[in-house]
Amino acid sequence: MAEPSGADAAAWSGHPTSADVAAAEQAVALLHQQAEQLRADIAGSRRKLEDVQREFDATRAAQLLEANEQLVLAALQAESIAEAATGHLDELARASQRDALTDTPNRALMLDRLENAIAMARRHVTRLAVLFLDLDQFKQINDTHGHAVGDEVLQLVARRLESVLRASDTVSRHGGDEFLMLVGEISQASDAAVIASKVLAALEAPGRVGDHLLRLSGSVGIATFPDDGEDAATLISRADAAMYRSKRRRSGGFEFHHDEQSPLPSAAPAAVDAPQAPQAPVARHESALAEQRPQLRELREANEQLVIAALTAQQLESQTEQAYTRQMRFLAMVAHELRNPLIPIQTAAGLLNRALSDEPLLAQLQAAIKRQVALVSRLVDDLLDGSRVSAGKFRLERSMVEMTGILSLAVETCRPAIEARSQRLTVNLAPAPLLVLGDALRLGQIVSNLLDNASKYTPKGGAIRLSAVLLDGALRITVSDNGIGITADTLPNIFELFTQDARAVALYDGGLGIGLAVVRDLVEAHGGTVMASSAGHNLGSDFVLTLPIGAAS
């Protein structure tokens, strides 16, 4: 057999050639190069992944920080509103127990304090005194100088009485020009006499009221517990009777109830031996009538003043009670409305820690917090506008404005809510220009409020119409709807603060009854009028706004 030679012999022998080695080295170098490239690609991908992770963490941290800031802001706003509501409640409680003119306790509070003082005196076996003061010639002050001066006199008297009594005692305006003073813990009746003397001396000091220098006087009646009575009504009544006895005897004095009445001294003692001249019955009768006429006239005037004071007191008490009741309902409503957004905010705050690892949950919590913060902000804005209505502190930046653009902007502002309820909005505007001298921002707020109300209280698929026409030198804007209407009981007060129809609250629970009051106040500030009408239940409503047209300068 022949032996192989050359390359075949090398291959056959199993030993690699130099070409094979070179090719293998080249392949290994290529593999190393590919491996390095792969390692570089992996490192780049890792860096990109780290950058993405850092960017995601930064974004999520920013979102969490923003959510936390909104949460803190909402909590601070809620706390501020709660503090303001508490302050208003305290002011209302105080106002319902004070005399509006003199800022002294009213009859109800005085009676309550007197009953408590009697109970305390009975428990500790001590005495107390009730002083009843009536000013002398106060009607003359009113008739001569006017009721404004008379009111200032009553305020001056209240301050002087308070300066004489101790801080633990009480001064109360009983009605008209009458004052009650409760003096507790006296050891004997003479202590009350000392206080009465100080009271009269304080009154007699000259005082300037406006441009008038006045010197006052009064009569005081005193009743003590337990000598003159053991209940509040009896003590007041007997102090009143003692005051009238003192006034009949002389002005500027005082008398105790238990003092015996001494006969009035005659002008001169009759001579014992002087013969009495016979007097005809008619002459004696006419003389008696002549003496009684001034007393009858004074009694009639006093009775008229008493009746007027009683009626005025009853009216003021009724108005105060009604205002107090309305404010209590309003504060309860505000508390309820504020609680609604605070509960989901509190819930969202509790879930924020879980949201660190759950991006969809984080987005949901952030959206929920934003919605509730927006609601709280709207409630705050409503409360601020309500306070401006009460105080008449709306400030207008007046200029000549064209109403067509303002009406169109109001429509665009309210259109998303109208479309969300599938409602039809029809707009009919008179040709421009429609010039009005007013505040563009506030005029837009008026129309937006009316359109927003029409949408809220009109069911889905309902119709709303906005029209503006020139009529008799004025711009008449009408917002109509075919919604739930306004009841006959609510309609007369629909523009008053905190007025809400029960059916409207049931349909849209989320308002404070402030919007229409703001509308009325802003319209009147622009020299216009606004009226509401409704045919009744489910028959829609119409709001007609009339503004004077301005002339371009």
Protein backbone atom coordinates (compact mmCIF):
# COMPACT_ATOMS: atom_id res chain seq x y z
CA MET A 1 0.00 0.00 0.00
CA ALA A 2 1.27 3.48 -0.84
CA GLU A 3 1.75 6.01 2.04
CA PRO A 4 -0.01 9.47 1.99
CA SER A 5 2.07 12.49 1.40
CA GLY A 6 1.86 16.32 1.91
CA ALA A 7 -1.24 17.89 3.58
CA ASP A 8 -3.02 14.63 3.52
CA ALA A 9 -0.23 13.08 5.47
CA ALA A 10 -0.46 15.87 8.11
CA ALA A 11 -4.20 15.54 8.46
CA TRP A 12 -3.95 11.82 8.58
CA SER A 13 -1.33 12.00 11.30
CA GLY A 14 -3.74 14.04 13.63
CA HIS A 15 -1.38 17.05 14.19
CA PRO A 16 -2.81 20.59 13.38
CA THR A 17 -1.12 22.70 10.88
CA SER A 18 -0.13 26.34 11.39
CA ALA A 19 -3.09 27.46 9.27
CA ASP A 20 -5.44 25.62 11.57
CA VAL A 21 -3.89 27.27 14.59
CA ALA A 22 -4.13 30.70 13.05
CA ALA A 23 -7.76 30.16 12.15
CA ALA A 24 -8.55 28.96 15.66
CA GLU A 25 -6.82 31.95 17.24
CA GLN A 26 -8.75 34.29 14.97
CA ALA A 27 -12.02 32.60 16.00
CA VAL A 28 -11.13 32.90 19.70
CA ALA A 29 -10.25 36.59 19.30
CA LEU A 30 -13.59 37.16 17.58
CA LEU A 31 -15.38 35.40 20.40
CA HIS A 32 -13.53 37.56 22.94
CA GLN A 33 -14.50 40.68 20.99
CA GLN A 34 -18.15 39.60 20.89
CA ALA A 35 -18.06 38.80 24.59
CA GLU A 36 -16.65 42.27 25.38
CA GLN A 37 -19.33 43.88 23.22
CA LEU A 38 -21.97 41.83 24.98
CA ARG A 39 -20.58 42.86 28.38
CA ALA A 40 -20.61 46.52 27.28
CA ASP A 41 -24.20 46.18 26.04
CA ILE A 42 -25.21 44.57 29.33
CA ALA A 43 -23.51 47.35 31.31
CA GLY A 44 -25.25 49.99 29.16
CA SER A 45 -28.59 48.29 29.64
CA ARG A 46 -27.96 48.13 33.36
CA ARG A 47 -27.14 51.87 33.44
CA LYS A 48 -30.26 52.67 31.44
CA LEU A 49 -32.32 50.49 33.75
CA GLU A 50 -30.84 52.29 36.76
CA ASP A 51 -31.58 55.68 35.15
CA VAL A 52 -35.16 54.62 34.46
CA GLN A 53 -35.49 53.33 38.01
CA ARG A 54 -34.11 56.56 39.44
CA GLU A 55 -36.39 58.63 37.19
CA PHE A 56 -39.38 56.50 38.22
CA ASP A 57 -38.46 56.82 41.91
CA ALA A 58 -38.03 60.59 41.54
CA THR A 59 -41.38 60.92 39.77
CA ARG A 60 -43.13 58.78 42.34
CA ALA A 61 -41.44 60.71 45.16
CA ALA A 62 -42.57 63.99 43.58
CA GLN A 63 -46.10 62.65 43.28
CA LEU A 64 -46.08 61.53 46.88
CA LEU A 65 -44.66 64.88 47.96
CA GLU A 66 -47.34 66.73 46.00
CA ALA A 67 -50.06 64.51 47.46
CA ASN A 68 -48.70 65.08 50.95
CA GLU A 69 -48.60 68.86 50.39
CA GLN A 70 -52.19 68.82 49.18
CA LEU A 71 -53.19 66.73 52.17
CA VAL A 72 -51.52 69.15 54.60
CA LEU A 73 -53.10 72.13 52.81
CA ALA A 74 -56.54 70.53 53.01
CA ALA A 75 -56.06 69.75 56.70
CA LEU A 76 -54.96 73.34 57.42
CA GLN A 77 -57.92 74.76 55.48
CA ALA A 78 -60.31 72.46 57.31
CA GLU A 79 -58.79 73.40 60.66
CA SER A 80 -59.07 77.11 59.82
CA ILE A 81 -62.72 76.72 58.82
CA ALA A 82 -63.46 74.74 61.97
CA GLU A 83 -61.85 77.43 64.12
CA ALA A 84 -63.79 80.15 62.32
CA ALA A 85 -67.04 78.20 62.71
CA THR A 86 -66.35 77.74 66.43
CA GLY A 87 -65.66 81.46 66.78
CA HIS A 88 -68.88 82.34 64.98
CA LEU A 89 -70.76 79.91 67.20
CA ASP A 90 -69.35 81.56 70.33
CA GLU A 91 -70.21 85.01 68.99
CA LEU A 92 -73.75 83.91 68.17
CA ALA A 93 -74.23 82.32 71.58
CA ARG A 94 -73.01 85.54 73.22
CA ALA A 95 -75.13 87.77 70.97
CA SER A 96 -78.27 85.75 71.76
CA GLN A 97 -77.79 86.52 75.47
CA ARG A 98 -76.90 90.22 75.26
CA ASP A 99 -78.86 93.42 74.84
CA ALA A 100 -78.12 94.71 71.35
CA LEU A 101 -77.85 98.37 72.42
CA THR A 102 -75.95 98.29 75.72
CA ASP A 103 -74.20 94.90 75.43
CA THR A 104 -75.48 93.98 78.89
CA PRO A 105 -77.16 90.63 79.70
CA ASN A 106 -80.71 90.48 78.36
CA ARG A 107 -83.76 89.56 80.42
CA ALA A 108 -83.38 85.82 79.88
CA LEU A 109 -79.74 85.75 80.95
CA MET A 110 -80.40 88.09 83.89
CA LEU A 111 -83.24 85.89 85.11
CA ASP A 112 -81.00 82.83 84.85
CA ARG A 113 -78.22 84.51 86.85
CA LEU A 114 -80.68 85.74 89.47
CA GLU A 115 -82.14 82.26 89.96
CA ASN A 116 -78.63 80.81 90.30
CA ALA A 117 -77.69 83.52 92.80
CA ILE A 118 -80.84 82.79 94.86
CA ALA A 119 -80.00 79.09 94.89
CA MET A 120 -76.44 79.88 96.01
CA ALA A 121 -77.63 82.33 98.70
CA ARG A 122 -80.15 79.80 100.00
CA ARG A 123 -77.45 77.11 100.16
CA HIS A 124 -74.94 79.33 101.99
CA VAL A 125 -77.55 81.24 104.05
CA THR A 126 -76.51 84.64 102.71
CA ARG A 127 -78.35 87.66 101.36
CA LEU A 128 -78.56 89.30 97.96
CA ALA A 129 -80.20 92.44 96.63
CA VAL A 130 -82.03 93.38 93.42
CA LEU A 131 -81.88 97.07 92.48
CA PHE A 132 -84.40 98.41 89.95
CA LEU A 133 -83.34 101.71 88.32
CA ASP A 134 -85.49 103.98 86.19
CA LEU A 135 -84.01 107.14 84.64
CA ASP A 136 -85.75 110.44 85.28
CA GLN A 137 -86.98 112.57 82.35
CA PHE A 138 -85.55 110.19 79.77
CA LYS A 139 -88.48 110.83 77.42
CA GLN A 140 -87.55 114.49 77.44
CA ILE A 141 -84.00 113.60 76.34
CA ASN A 142 -85.38 111.57 73.44
CA ASP A 143 -87.87 114.27 72.42
CA THR A 144 -85.35 117.12 72.70
CA HIS A 145 -82.15 115.61 71.35
CA GLY A 146 -83.40 112.63 69.33
CA HIS A 147 -83.34 108.87 69.76
CA ALA A 148 -79.69 108.56 68.66
CA VAL A 149 -78.64 110.67 71.65
CA GLY A 150 -81.04 108.65 73.83
CA ASP A 151 -79.36 105.43 72.75
CA GLU A 152 -75.93 106.85 73.63
CA VAL A 153 -77.28 107.91 77.03
CA LEU A 154 -78.43 104.35 77.73
CA GLN A 155 -74.99 103.04 76.77
CA LEU A 156 -73.36 105.62 79.05
CA VAL A 157 -75.64 104.60 81.94
CA ALA A 158 -74.79 100.91 81.43
CA ARG A 159 -71.06 101.64 81.60
CA ARG A 160 -71.43 103.77 84.74
CA LEU A 161 -73.49 101.12 86.51
CA GLU A 162 -70.89 98.48 85.64
CA SER A 163 -68.15 100.73 87.04
CA VAL A 164 -69.92 100.91 90.42
CA LEU A 165 -70.73 97.21 90.82
CA ARG A 166 -68.28 94.41 91.47
CA ALA A 167 -67.18 92.08 88.69
CA SER A 168 -69.24 89.29 90.28
CA ASP A 169 -72.44 91.41 90.16
CA THR A 170 -74.63 91.86 87.09
CA VAL A 171 -76.11 94.88 85.29
CA SER A 172 -78.94 94.24 82.85
CA ARG A 173 -81.06 96.53 80.71
CA HIS A 174 -84.59 95.52 81.64
CA GLY A 175 -86.26 97.49 78.87
CA GLY A 176 -86.55 101.10 77.71
CA ASP A 177 -84.69 103.24 80.27
CA GLU A 178 -84.92 100.66 83.08
CA PHE A 179 -81.98 98.68 84.45
CA LEU A 180 -81.73 95.76 86.88
CA MET A 181 -78.72 95.20 89.12
CA LEU A 182 -78.00 91.95 90.93
CA VAL A 183 -75.77 92.39 93.99
CA GLY A 184 -74.80 89.13 95.65
CA GLU A 185 -73.37 88.18 99.04
CA ILE A 186 -74.38 91.19 101.14
CA SER A 187 -74.30 90.87 104.91
CA GLN A 188 -77.17 93.28 105.64
CA ALA A 189 -79.69 95.45 103.84
CA SER A 190 -77.71 98.62 104.49
CA ASP A 191 -75.01 97.32 102.13
CA ALA A 192 -77.51 97.60 99.29
CA ALA A 193 -78.28 101.19 100.37
CA VAL A 194 -74.59 102.07 100.06
CA ILE A 195 -74.47 100.63 96.54
CA ALA A 196 -77.68 102.50 95.57
CA SER A 197 -76.13 105.76 96.79
CA LYS A 198 -73.01 105.10 94.68
CA VAL A 199 -75.19 104.31 91.66
CA LEU A 200 -77.12 107.58 91.96
CA ALA A 201 -73.92 109.55 92.51
CA ALA A 202 -72.37 107.99 89.39
CA LEU A 203 -75.45 108.94 87.35
CA GLU A 204 -75.43 112.54 88.56
CA ALA A 205 -71.86 113.15 87.37
CA PRO A 206 -71.99 115.37 84.23
CA GLY A 207 -71.46 113.43 81.03
CA ARG A 208 -70.93 114.50 77.44
CA VAL A 209 -72.99 112.72 74.79
CA GLY A 210 -72.10 114.03 71.36
CA ASP A 211 -72.32 117.83 71.59
CA HIS A 212 -74.51 117.75 74.68
CA LEU A 213 -73.44 117.97 78.32
CA LEU A 214 -76.04 116.06 80.34
CA ARG A 215 -76.58 115.48 84.02
CA LEU A 216 -78.71 112.41 84.68
CA SER A 217 -80.74 111.24 87.64
CA GLY A 218 -82.77 108.17 88.44
CA SER A 219 -84.90 106.43 91.02
CA VAL A 220 -83.93 103.11 92.58
CA GLY A 221 -86.03 100.45 94.24
CA ILE A 222 -84.42 97.73 96.35
CA ALA A 223 -85.64 94.25 97.24
CA THR A 224 -83.55 91.81 99.25
CA PHE A 225 -83.48 88.05 99.54
CA PRO A 226 -84.90 86.49 101.64
CA ASP A 227 -86.64 89.43 103.36
CA ASP A 228 -88.71 90.64 100.37
CA GLY A 229 -89.11 87.44 98.40
CA GLU A 230 -87.63 84.04 97.71
CA ASP A 231 -87.90 83.81 93.93
CA ALA A 232 -86.65 85.93 91.04
CA ALA A 233 -90.02 87.18 89.79
CA THR A 234 -91.11 88.36 93.24
CA LEU A 235 -87.84 90.19 93.92
CA ILE A 236 -87.96 91.99 90.56
CA SER A 237 -91.62 92.93 91.01
CA ARG A 238 -91.10 94.30 94.52
CA ALA A 239 -87.96 96.21 93.55
CA ASP A 240 -90.00 97.72 90.70
CA ALA A 241 -92.77 98.76 93.12
CA ALA A 242 -90.23 100.28 95.50
CA MET A 243 -88.72 102.25 92.60
CA TYR A 244 -92.12 103.79 91.74
CA ARG A 245 -92.65 104.77 95.39
CA SER A 246 -89.25 106.46 95.40
CA LYS A 247 -90.01 108.26 92.13
CA ARG A 248 -93.33 109.56 93.50
CA ARG A 249 -91.64 110.94 96.60
CA ARG A 250 -88.68 112.59 94.90
CA SER A 251 -86.33 112.17 91.94
CA GLY A 252 -82.85 110.88 92.45
CA GLY A 253 -83.55 108.73 95.51
CA PHE A 254 -83.93 105.09 96.51
CA GLU A 255 -86.29 103.10 98.68
CA PHE A 256 -86.49 99.56 100.06
CA HIS A 257 -89.55 97.46 99.46
CA HIS A 258 -90.04 96.76 103.15
CA ASP A 259 -89.96 100.46 104.09
CA GLU A 260 -93.33 101.72 105.27
CA GLN A 261 -94.84 104.40 103.09
CA SER A 262 -94.98 107.70 104.90
CA PRO A 263 -97.62 110.21 103.86
CA LEU A 264 -96.47 113.01 101.65
CA PRO A 265 -95.89 116.19 103.67
CA SER A 266 -98.38 118.91 103.09
CA ALA A 267 -97.32 122.37 102.05
CA ALA A 268 -98.18 123.88 105.44
CA PRO A 269 -99.90 122.61 108.59
CA ALA A 270 -103.46 123.79 108.91
CA ALA A 271 -104.23 125.99 111.89
CA VAL A 272 -106.16 124.07 114.48
CA ASP A 273 -108.47 126.88 115.29
CA ALA A 274 -108.91 128.14 111.71
CA PRO A 275 -112.46 127.71 110.56
CA GLN A 276 -112.84 125.44 107.53
CA ALA A 277 -114.48 127.20 104.64
CA PRO A 278 -117.27 125.23 103.07
CA GLN A 279 -116.47 124.07 99.52
CA ALA A 280 -119.05 123.22 96.93
CA PRO A 281 -119.05 119.59 95.71
CA VAL A 282 -118.54 120.68 92.10
CA ALA A 283 -115.61 122.88 93.04
CA ARG A 284 -114.02 120.08 95.04
CA HIS A 285 -114.54 117.69 92.11
CA GLU A 286 -112.96 120.06 89.60
CA SER A 287 -110.06 120.68 91.96
CA ALA A 288 -109.49 116.95 92.35
CA LEU A 289 -109.58 116.45 88.57
CA ALA A 290 -107.12 119.30 88.07
CA GLU A 291 -104.72 117.64 90.50
CA GLN A 292 -105.09 114.23 88.89
CA ARG A 293 -104.72 115.28 85.24
CA PRO A 294 -100.89 115.58 85.29
CA GLN A 295 -100.61 112.25 87.11
CA LEU A 296 -103.00 110.58 84.66
CA ARG A 297 -101.06 111.99 81.72
CA GLU A 298 -97.76 110.73 83.14
CA LEU A 299 -99.27 107.33 83.84
CA ARG A 300 -100.67 107.14 80.29
CA GLU A 301 -97.30 108.08 78.80
CA ALA A 302 -95.54 105.60 81.06
CA ASN A 303 -97.98 102.90 80.05
CA GLU A 304 -97.46 103.67 76.36
CA GLN A 305 -93.70 103.48 76.79
CA LEU A 306 -94.06 100.23 78.69
CA VAL A 307 -96.20 98.68 75.95
CA ILE A 308 -93.84 99.87 73.22
CA ALA A 309 -90.81 98.60 75.15
CA ALA A 310 -92.49 95.23 75.72
CA LEU A 311 -93.41 94.88 72.05
CA THR A 312 -89.93 95.92 70.95
CA ALA A 313 -88.34 93.48 73.38
CA GLN A 314 -90.56 90.66 72.15
CA GLN A 315 -89.75 91.47 68.54
CA LEU A 316 -86.01 91.66 69.18
CA GLU A 317 -86.09 88.43 71.16
CA SER A 318 -87.98 86.69 68.35
CA GLN A 319 -85.56 88.01 65.72
CA THR A 320 -82.59 86.97 67.83
CA GLU A 321 -83.97 83.47 68.31
CA GLN A 322 -84.66 83.11 64.58
CA ALA A 323 -81.18 84.35 63.67
CA TYR A 324 -79.63 82.04 66.26
CA THR A 325 -81.59 79.07 64.91
CA ARG A 326 -80.59 79.87 61.31
CA GLN A 327 -76.95 80.19 62.27
CA MET A 328 -77.02 76.92 64.21
CA ARG A 329 -78.49 75.14 61.20
CA PHE A 330 -75.88 76.76 58.97
CA LEU A 331 -72.97 75.77 61.20
CA ALA A 332 -74.27 72.21 61.40
CA MET A 333 -74.52 72.18 57.60
CA VAL A 334 -70.98 73.55 57.22
CA ALA A 335 -69.66 70.90 59.62
CA HIS A 336 -71.46 68.21 57.60
CA GLU A 337 -70.15 69.53 54.29
CA LEU A 338 -66.58 69.73 55.59
CA ARG A 339 -66.74 66.24 57.03
CA ASN A 340 -67.63 64.77 53.63
CA PRO A 341 -64.29 65.61 51.92
CA LEU A 342 -62.20 65.10 55.05
CA ILE A 343 -63.16 61.42 55.38
CA PRO A 344 -61.77 60.38 51.95
CA ILE A 345 -58.70 62.58 52.50
CA GLN A 346 -58.08 60.80 55.79
CA THR A 347 -58.55 57.43 54.09
CA ALA A 348 -56.16 58.39 51.30
CA ALA A 349 -53.57 59.50 53.85
CA GLY A 350 -53.73 56.10 55.51
CA LEU A 351 -53.13 54.34 52.18
CA LEU A 352 -50.18 56.47 51.01
CA ASN A 353 -47.63 54.07 52.52
CA ARG A 354 -49.09 51.17 50.55
CA ALA A 355 -49.01 53.32 47.41
CA LEU A 356 -45.19 53.35 47.43
CA SER A 357 -45.19 49.97 45.74
CA ASP A 358 -48.46 50.28 43.84
CA GLU A 359 -48.41 52.90 41.07
CA PRO A 360 -52.11 52.55 40.04
CA LEU A 361 -53.18 52.94 43.69
CA LEU A 362 -50.96 56.02 44.00
CA ALA A 363 -52.63 57.62 40.98
CA GLN A 364 -56.08 56.87 42.41
CA LEU A 365 -55.19 58.36 45.80
CA GLN A 366 -53.71 61.45 44.21
CA ALA A 367 -56.83 61.98 42.10
CA ALA A 368 -59.07 61.46 45.15
CA ILE A 369 -57.09 63.98 47.21
CA LYS A 370 -57.24 66.53 44.39
CA ARG A 371 -61.00 66.15 44.08
CA GLN A 372 -61.60 66.53 47.81
CA VAL A 373 -59.19 69.47 48.14
CA ALA A 374 -61.02 71.17 45.26
CA LEU A 375 -64.30 70.59 47.11
CA VAL A 376 -62.92 72.04 50.35
CA SER A 377 -61.55 75.03 48.42
CA ARG A 378 -64.97 75.62 46.86
CA LEU A 379 -66.61 75.48 50.28
CA VAL A 380 -64.05 77.99 51.59
CA ASP A 381 -64.74 80.30 48.63
CA ASP A 382 -68.49 80.03 49.29
CA LEU A 383 -67.99 80.87 52.97
CA LEU A 384 -65.83 83.89 52.08
CA ASP A 385 -68.43 85.12 49.59
CA GLY A 386 -71.14 84.57 52.21
CA SER A 387 -69.23 86.68 54.72
CA ARG A 388 -68.79 89.41 52.12
CA VAL A 389 -72.55 89.39 51.49
CA SER A 390 -73.24 89.76 55.22
CA ALA A 391 -70.70 92.56 55.62
CA GLY A 392 -71.35 94.24 52.25
CA LYS A 393 -67.62 94.13 51.43
CA PHE A 394 -67.65 93.17 47.74
CA ARG A 395 -65.09 95.33 45.92
CA LEU A 396 -65.74 96.03 42.24
CA GLU A 397 -63.17 97.10 39.69
CA ARG A 398 -65.46 98.95 37.32
CA SER A 399 -64.82 99.57 33.65
CA MET A 400 -66.87 99.61 30.47
CA VAL A 401 -67.19 95.92 29.52
CA GLU A 402 -68.81 94.18 26.55
CA MET A 403 -71.25 91.56 27.84
CA THR A 404 -71.31 89.33 24.76
CA GLY A 405 -67.84 87.99 25.48
CA ILE A 406 -68.60 87.65 29.21
CA LEU A 407 -71.77 85.66 28.49
CA SER A 408 -69.92 83.42 26.00
CA LEU A 409 -67.14 82.77 28.54
CA ALA A 410 -69.72 81.88 31.21
CA VAL A 411 -71.33 79.43 28.79
CA GLU A 412 -67.99 77.76 28.02
CA THR A 413 -67.21 77.54 31.74
CA CYS A 414 -70.46 75.70 32.48
CA ARG A 415 -70.69 73.67 29.27
CA PRO A 416 -68.71 70.60 30.54
CA ALA A 417 -71.10 70.11 33.47
CA ILE A 418 -74.11 70.64 31.20
CA GLU A 419 -72.85 68.13 28.65
CA ALA A 420 -72.00 65.62 31.39
CA ARG A 421 -75.70 65.66 32.32
CA SER A 422 -76.77 65.35 28.66
CA GLN A 423 -78.64 68.66 28.90
CA ARG A 424 -79.53 70.91 25.95
CA LEU A 425 -78.32 74.51 26.17
CA THR A 426 -79.82 77.17 23.91
CA VAL A 427 -78.18 80.60 23.72
CA ASN A 428 -79.84 83.67 22.18
CA LEU A 429 -77.87 86.90 22.51
CA ALA A 430 -78.70 90.35 21.17
CA PRO A 431 -76.21 91.74 18.64
CA ALA A 432 -73.07 93.31 20.09
CA PRO A 433 -72.08 95.67 21.52
CA LEU A 434 -73.78 95.20 24.90
CA LEU A 435 -71.88 97.69 27.07
CA VAL A 436 -72.20 97.64 30.87
CA LEU A 437 -70.24 99.64 33.44
CA GLY A 438 -69.09 97.00 35.91
CA ASP A 439 -66.56 94.40 37.04
CA ALA A 440 -66.03 91.86 34.26
CA LEU A 441 -64.96 89.09 36.66
CA ARG A 442 -67.96 89.58 38.95
CA LEU A 443 -70.43 89.85 36.05
CA GLY A 444 -69.13 86.55 34.72
CA GLN A 445 -69.51 85.05 38.22
CA ILE A 446 -73.17 86.13 38.28
CA VAL A 447 -74.05 84.43 35.00
CA SER A 448 -71.95 81.33 35.77
CA ASN A 449 -73.73 80.90 39.12
CA LEU A 450 -77.14 81.09 37.46
CA LEU A 451 -76.17 78.64 34.71
CA ASP A 452 -74.56 76.27 37.21
CA ASN A 453 -77.69 76.33 39.39
CA ALA A 454 -79.91 75.66 36.37
CA SER A 455 -77.78 72.64 35.42
CA LYS A 456 -77.56 71.21 38.96
CA TYR A 457 -81.31 71.30 39.54
CA THR A 458 -82.37 70.11 36.09
CA PRO A 459 -82.51 66.32 35.54
CA LYS A 460 -80.46 64.60 32.84
CA GLY A 461 -81.68 65.35 29.35
CA GLY A 462 -83.31 68.60 30.45
CA ALA A 463 -83.24 71.95 28.67
CA ILE A 464 -81.54 75.22 29.70
CA ARG A 465 -81.89 78.53 27.90
CA LEU A 466 -79.77 81.70 28.15
CA SER A 467 -80.99 84.88 26.48
CA ALA A 468 -79.91 88.51 26.51
CA VAL A 469 -81.98 91.36 25.05
CA LEU A 470 -81.92 95.15 25.19
CA LEU A 471 -85.12 96.51 26.65
CA ASP A 472 -85.92 100.09 27.82
CA GLY A 473 -82.30 101.12 28.14
CA ALA A 474 -81.30 98.04 30.13
CA LEU A 475 -79.78 94.64 29.41
CA ARG A 476 -82.12 91.82 30.43
CA ILE A 477 -80.44 88.43 30.88
CA THR A 478 -82.70 85.42 31.45
CA VAL A 479 -81.63 81.93 32.54
CA SER A 480 -84.48 79.41 32.25
CA ASP A 481 -84.71 75.66 32.81
CA ASN A 482 -87.32 72.91 32.92
CA GLY A 483 -85.96 71.40 36.14
CA ILE A 484 -87.40 70.74 39.59
CA GLY A 485 -88.72 74.28 40.07
CA ILE A 486 -88.94 76.28 43.32
CA THR A 487 -91.62 75.73 45.95
CA ALA A 488 -93.93 78.56 46.94
CA ASP A 489 -92.55 78.51 50.50
CA THR A 490 -88.93 78.88 49.37
CA LEU A 491 -89.41 81.35 46.49
CA PRO A 492 -89.82 84.55 48.60
CA ASN A 493 -86.50 83.86 50.40
CA ILE A 494 -84.56 82.27 47.55
CA PHE A 495 -81.95 85.08 47.50
CA GLU A 496 -81.36 85.00 51.28
CA LEU A 497 -78.20 83.50 52.74
CA PHE A 498 -78.35 79.76 53.59
CA THR A 499 -81.78 79.30 51.96
CA GLN A 500 -82.12 75.88 50.34
CA ASP A 501 -85.14 74.02 49.01
CA ALA A 502 -85.44 70.57 50.61
CA ARG A 503 -85.93 68.92 47.19
CA ALA A 504 -82.90 70.76 45.80
CA VAL A 505 -80.74 69.45 48.65
CA ALA A 506 -81.96 65.91 47.99
CA LEU A 507 -81.06 66.22 44.29
CA TYR A 508 -77.69 67.93 44.75
CA ASP A 509 -76.19 67.61 48.23
CA GLY A 510 -73.08 69.76 48.28
CA GLY A 511 -73.95 73.44 48.65
CA LEU A 512 -74.34 75.94 51.46
CA GLY A 513 -77.18 78.07 50.08
CA ILE A 514 -74.86 81.00 49.39
CA GLY A 515 -74.65 81.28 45.58
CA LEU A 516 -77.92 83.11 44.94
CA ALA A 517 -77.31 85.52 47.82
CA VAL A 518 -73.97 86.37 46.19
CA VAL A 519 -75.75 86.85 42.85
CA ARG A 520 -78.26 89.28 44.37
CA ASP A 521 -75.57 91.27 46.19
CA LEU A 522 -73.36 91.56 43.12
CA VAL A 523 -76.27 92.53 40.87
CA GLU A 524 -77.41 95.25 43.26
CA ALA A 525 -73.81 96.47 43.56
CA HIS A 526 -73.94 97.00 39.76
CA GLY A 527 -77.17 98.99 40.07
CA GLY A 528 -79.31 96.16 38.72
CA THR A 529 -82.03 93.80 39.89
CA VAL A 530 -82.55 90.05 39.83
CA MET A 531 -85.85 88.21 40.16
CA ALA A 532 -86.81 84.53 40.34
CA SER A 533 -90.06 82.88 39.32
CA SER A 534 -91.33 79.31 39.12
CA ALA A 535 -94.68 77.76 38.29
CA GLY A 536 -94.10 75.11 40.95
CA HIS A 537 -93.03 71.52 41.41
CA ASN A 538 -91.13 70.12 38.37
CA LEU A 539 -92.17 73.12 36.23
CA GLY A 540 -88.76 74.74 35.97
CA SER A 541 -87.62 78.19 37.00
CA ASP A 542 -86.66 81.54 35.49
CA PHE A 543 -84.05 83.99 36.77
CA VAL A 544 -84.23 87.45 35.19
CA LEU A 545 -81.22 89.74 35.62
CA THR A 546 -81.51 93.42 34.63
CA LEU A 547 -78.41 95.62 34.31
CA PRO A 548 -78.26 99.27 33.24
CA ILE A 549 -76.61 99.80 29.87
CA GLY A 550 -73.54 102.07 29.94
CA ALA A 551 -72.51 104.50 27.25
CA ALA A 552 -69.01 104.30 25.83
CA SER A 553 -66.97 107.35 26.75
